[in-house]
Amino acid sequence: MKTTIEMPDKTLRRAQNLAADKGITLTELVTEAVEDKLRRSTTRSESGEPSWMKLYGAFAKSEEMRVETRQIQKIIDEEFERIDAEDWR
């Protein structure tokens, strides 16, 4: 199928150069780019997050992670309280 698209001249020149460097046509490059974008959009959850965030998000929401985060923040706060303002002048 044929279609017409508009893009900035600079983007078109960069795309043409990249296609030439890869030894493919501009049509093949644009097709690859669109297919890649479509593939990545289908690997997102219903919330719009990338699929890898499913695992991370579950970990970050766990009670164990929240407790650990609070402990780390407490240590950081205690260390900052020990800083003498005179040392920074």
N, C-alpha and C. Protein backbone atom coordinates (compact mmCIF):
# COMPACT_ATOMS: atom_id res chain seq x y z
N MET A 1 0.84 -1.16 0.00
CA MET A 1 0.00 0.00 0.00
C MET A 1 0.90 1.24 0.00
N LYS A 2 0.45 2.25 -0.68
CA LYS A 2 1.20 3.50 -0.72
C LYS A 2 0.50 4.52 0.14
N THR A 3 1.32 5.39 0.74
CA THR A 3 0.79 6.50 1.53
C THR A 3 1.78 7.65 1.48
N THR A 4 1.33 8.81 1.84
CA THR A 4 2.19 9.99 1.89
C THR A 4 2.30 10.43 3.34
N ILE A 5 3.51 10.69 3.76
CA ILE A 5 3.71 11.19 5.12
C ILE A 5 4.55 12.47 5.04
N GLU A 6 4.36 13.32 6.02
CA GLU A 6 5.15 14.54 6.09
C GLU A 6 6.04 14.45 7.32
N MET A 7 7.29 14.86 7.16
CA MET A 7 8.21 14.90 8.28
C MET A 7 9.21 16.02 8.02
N PRO A 8 9.86 16.48 9.08
CA PRO A 8 10.84 17.54 8.89
C PRO A 8 11.96 17.10 7.94
N ASP A 9 12.47 18.04 7.17
CA ASP A 9 13.54 17.74 6.21
C ASP A 9 14.75 17.09 6.88
N LYS A 10 15.10 17.60 8.05
CA LYS A 10 16.26 17.06 8.77
C LYS A 10 16.04 15.59 9.13
N THR A 11 14.83 15.26 9.58
CA THR A 11 14.52 13.88 9.93
C THR A 11 14.57 12.98 8.70
N LEU A 12 14.05 13.47 7.59
CA LEU A 12 14.07 12.69 6.36
C LEU A 12 15.51 12.43 5.91
N ARG A 13 16.35 13.46 5.96
CA ARG A 13 17.76 13.28 5.55
C ARG A 13 18.46 12.25 6.45
N ARG A 14 18.21 12.35 7.75
CA ARG A 14 18.82 11.38 8.68
C ARG A 14 18.34 9.96 8.39
N ALA A 15 17.05 9.83 8.09
CA ALA A 15 16.48 8.52 7.78
C ALA A 15 17.08 7.98 6.47
N GLN A 16 17.21 8.83 5.48
CA GLN A 16 17.81 8.40 4.21
C GLN A 16 19.25 7.96 4.42
N ASN A 17 20.00 8.72 5.22
CA ASN A 17 21.39 8.34 5.49
C ASN A 17 21.48 7.01 6.24
N LEU A 18 20.60 6.83 7.23
CA LEU A 18 20.61 5.58 7.99
C LEU A 18 20.25 4.40 7.10
N ALA A 19 19.26 4.58 6.26
CA ALA A 19 18.87 3.51 5.34
C ALA A 19 20.04 3.16 4.42
N ALA A 20 20.71 4.16 3.91
CA ALA A 20 21.86 3.92 3.03
C ALA A 20 22.97 3.19 3.79
N ASP A 21 23.23 3.61 5.02
CA ASP A 21 24.26 2.95 5.83
C ASP A 21 23.92 1.48 6.09
N LYS A 22 22.62 1.21 6.26
CA LYS A 22 22.18 -0.17 6.52
C LYS A 22 22.03 -0.98 5.23
N GLY A 23 22.11 -0.29 4.10
CA GLY A 23 21.97 -0.98 2.81
C GLY A 23 20.54 -1.39 2.50
N ILE A 24 19.58 -0.60 2.99
CA ILE A 24 18.17 -0.90 2.74
C ILE A 24 17.51 0.35 2.18
N THR A 25 16.30 0.18 1.68
CA THR A 25 15.58 1.33 1.14
C THR A 25 14.94 2.12 2.27
N LEU A 26 14.57 3.35 1.95
CA LEU A 26 13.87 4.18 2.92
C LEU A 26 12.55 3.53 3.31
N THR A 27 11.88 2.93 2.36
CA THR A 27 10.62 2.23 2.65
C THR A 27 10.84 1.12 3.68
N GLU A 28 11.92 0.35 3.50
CA GLU A 28 12.22 -0.73 4.45
C GLU A 28 12.53 -0.18 5.84
N LEU A 29 13.27 0.93 5.89
CA LEU A 29 13.61 1.54 7.16
C LEU A 29 12.36 2.03 7.88
N VAL A 30 11.49 2.73 7.16
CA VAL A 30 10.26 3.25 7.77
C VAL A 30 9.37 2.10 8.22
N THR A 31 9.29 1.05 7.42
CA THR A 31 8.48 -0.11 7.79
C THR A 31 9.02 -0.75 9.07
N GLU A 32 10.35 -0.91 9.16
CA GLU A 32 10.98 -1.47 10.37
C GLU A 32 10.65 -0.60 11.58
N ALA A 33 10.76 0.71 11.40
CA ALA A 33 10.53 1.62 12.52
C ALA A 33 9.09 1.55 13.01
N VAL A 34 8.15 1.52 12.08
CA VAL A 34 6.74 1.45 12.46
C VAL A 34 6.43 0.11 13.11
N GLU A 35 6.96 -0.97 12.56
CA GLU A 35 6.73 -2.30 13.15
C GLU A 35 7.32 -2.38 14.55
N ASP A 36 8.50 -1.80 14.74
CA ASP A 36 9.12 -1.79 16.06
C ASP A 36 8.26 -1.02 17.05
N LYS A 37 7.77 0.13 16.64
CA LYS A 37 6.91 0.95 17.51
C LYS A 37 5.63 0.20 17.85
N LEU A 38 5.04 -0.46 16.88
CA LEU A 38 3.83 -1.23 17.13
C LEU A 38 4.10 -2.40 18.07
N ARG A 39 5.22 -3.07 17.88
CA ARG A 39 5.59 -4.20 18.73
C ARG A 39 5.75 -3.74 20.17
N ARG A 40 6.42 -2.61 20.36
CA ARG A 40 6.63 -2.10 21.72
C ARG A 40 5.33 -1.64 22.35
N SER A 41 4.42 -1.12 21.56
CA SER A 41 3.16 -0.65 22.14
C SER A 41 2.28 -1.83 22.55
N THR A 42 2.43 -2.98 21.93
CA THR A 42 1.62 -4.14 22.31
C THR A 42 2.22 -4.88 23.50
N THR A 43 3.45 -4.53 23.91
CA THR A 43 4.03 -5.18 25.07
C THR A 43 3.80 -4.34 26.33
N ARG A 44 2.89 -3.41 26.25
CA ARG A 44 2.55 -2.59 27.41
C ARG A 44 1.28 -3.14 28.05
N SER A 45 1.19 -2.98 29.34
CA SER A 45 0.00 -3.43 30.05
C SER A 45 -1.15 -2.46 29.79
N GLU A 46 -2.31 -2.79 30.33
CA GLU A 46 -3.47 -1.93 30.14
C GLU A 46 -3.23 -0.54 30.72
N SER A 47 -2.38 -0.44 31.74
CA SER A 47 -2.10 0.85 32.37
C SER A 47 -1.14 1.70 31.54
N GLY A 48 -0.58 1.12 30.46
CA GLY A 48 0.35 1.85 29.62
C GLY A 48 1.80 1.66 30.02
N GLU A 49 2.05 0.84 31.07
CA GLU A 49 3.42 0.61 31.51
C GLU A 49 4.05 -0.47 30.64
N PRO A 50 5.37 -0.39 30.43
CA PRO A 50 6.06 -1.46 29.70
C PRO A 50 5.90 -2.78 30.46
N SER A 51 5.97 -3.89 29.75
CA SER A 51 5.73 -5.19 30.37
C SER A 51 6.72 -5.50 31.48
N TRP A 52 7.97 -5.00 31.39
CA TRP A 52 8.93 -5.29 32.44
C TRP A 52 8.55 -4.63 33.76
N MET A 53 7.68 -3.60 33.69
CA MET A 53 7.27 -2.93 34.91
C MET A 53 6.32 -3.79 35.75
N LYS A 54 5.72 -4.81 35.15
CA LYS A 54 4.84 -5.69 35.92
C LYS A 54 5.60 -6.29 37.09
N LEU A 55 6.77 -6.81 36.82
CA LEU A 55 7.59 -7.41 37.87
C LEU A 55 8.10 -6.34 38.82
N TYR A 56 8.68 -5.29 38.29
CA TYR A 56 9.23 -4.24 39.14
C TYR A 56 8.13 -3.61 39.98
N GLY A 57 7.02 -3.32 39.36
CA GLY A 57 5.92 -2.69 40.08
C GLY A 57 5.43 -3.54 41.24
N ALA A 58 5.35 -4.84 41.04
CA ALA A 58 4.93 -5.73 42.12
C ALA A 58 5.95 -5.70 43.25
N PHE A 59 7.22 -5.67 42.91
CA PHE A 59 8.27 -5.63 43.91
C PHE A 59 8.23 -4.32 44.69
N ALA A 60 8.09 -3.22 43.98
CA ALA A 60 8.09 -1.91 44.61
C ALA A 60 6.90 -1.72 45.53
N LYS A 61 5.80 -2.39 45.24
CA LYS A 61 4.59 -2.24 46.05
C LYS A 61 4.57 -3.19 47.24
N SER A 62 5.52 -4.10 47.31
CA SER A 62 5.52 -5.07 48.40
C SER A 62 5.83 -4.41 49.73
N GLU A 63 5.28 -4.96 50.80
CA GLU A 63 5.52 -4.45 52.15
C GLU A 63 7.00 -4.53 52.48
N GLU A 64 7.66 -5.58 52.06
CA GLU A 64 9.09 -5.75 52.32
C GLU A 64 9.89 -4.60 51.73
N MET A 65 9.54 -4.19 50.54
CA MET A 65 10.25 -3.09 49.89
C MET A 65 9.99 -1.78 50.62
N ARG A 66 8.75 -1.55 51.04
CA ARG A 66 8.42 -0.31 51.75
C ARG A 66 9.19 -0.23 53.07
N VAL A 67 9.28 -1.35 53.80
CA VAL A 67 10.02 -1.37 55.06
C VAL A 67 11.49 -1.06 54.80
N GLU A 68 12.06 -1.68 53.79
CA GLU A 68 13.46 -1.46 53.44
C GLU A 68 13.70 -0.01 53.05
N THR A 69 12.81 0.56 52.29
CA THR A 69 12.94 1.95 51.88
C THR A 69 12.90 2.88 53.08
N ARG A 70 12.01 2.62 54.01
CA ARG A 70 11.93 3.45 55.23
C ARG A 70 13.22 3.35 56.04
N GLN A 71 13.78 2.15 56.13
CA GLN A 71 15.03 1.96 56.88
C GLN A 71 16.17 2.74 56.24
N ILE A 72 16.26 2.68 54.94
CA ILE A 72 17.32 3.41 54.22
C ILE A 72 17.13 4.91 54.41
N GLN A 73 15.90 5.39 54.28
CA GLN A 73 15.64 6.82 54.45
C GLN A 73 15.99 7.27 55.86
N LYS A 74 15.71 6.45 56.87
CA LYS A 74 16.04 6.79 58.26
C LYS A 74 17.55 6.96 58.42
N ILE A 75 18.32 6.06 57.84
CA ILE A 75 19.78 6.14 57.90
C ILE A 75 20.28 7.41 57.23
N ILE A 76 19.73 7.72 56.08
CA ILE A 76 20.12 8.93 55.35
C ILE A 76 19.80 10.17 56.18
N ASP A 77 18.59 10.22 56.75
CA ASP A 77 18.20 11.37 57.57
C ASP A 77 19.13 11.53 58.77
N GLU A 78 19.46 10.43 59.44
CA GLU A 78 20.34 10.49 60.60
C GLU A 78 21.72 11.02 60.22
N GLU A 79 22.23 10.58 59.08
CA GLU A 79 23.54 11.04 58.64
C GLU A 79 23.53 12.52 58.31
N PHE A 80 22.46 13.00 57.69
CA PHE A 80 22.38 14.41 57.37
C PHE A 80 22.26 15.27 58.63
N GLU A 81 21.64 14.74 59.65
CA GLU A 81 21.53 15.47 60.91
C GLU A 81 22.90 15.64 61.57
N ARG A 82 23.82 14.75 61.29
CA ARG A 82 25.15 14.81 61.88
C ARG A 82 26.06 15.84 61.21
N ILE A 83 25.65 16.33 60.07
CA ILE A 83 26.48 17.28 59.34
C ILE A 83 26.46 18.62 60.07
N ASP A 84 27.63 19.16 60.30
CA ASP A 84 27.77 20.45 60.96
C ASP A 84 27.78 21.53 59.88
N ALA A 85 26.90 22.49 60.02
CA ALA A 85 26.78 23.56 59.02
C ALA A 85 28.12 24.31 58.85
N GLU A 86 28.88 24.38 59.90
CA GLU A 86 30.18 25.07 59.83
C GLU A 86 31.13 24.35 58.89
N ASP A 87 31.00 23.04 58.78
CA ASP A 87 31.89 22.26 57.89
C ASP A 87 31.66 22.61 56.43
N TRP A 88 30.53 23.16 56.09
CA TRP A 88 30.17 23.45 54.70
C TRP A 88 30.55 24.86 54.29
N ARG A 89 31.08 25.62 55.18
CA ARG A 89 31.43 27.02 54.83
C ARG A 89 32.81 27.12 54.32
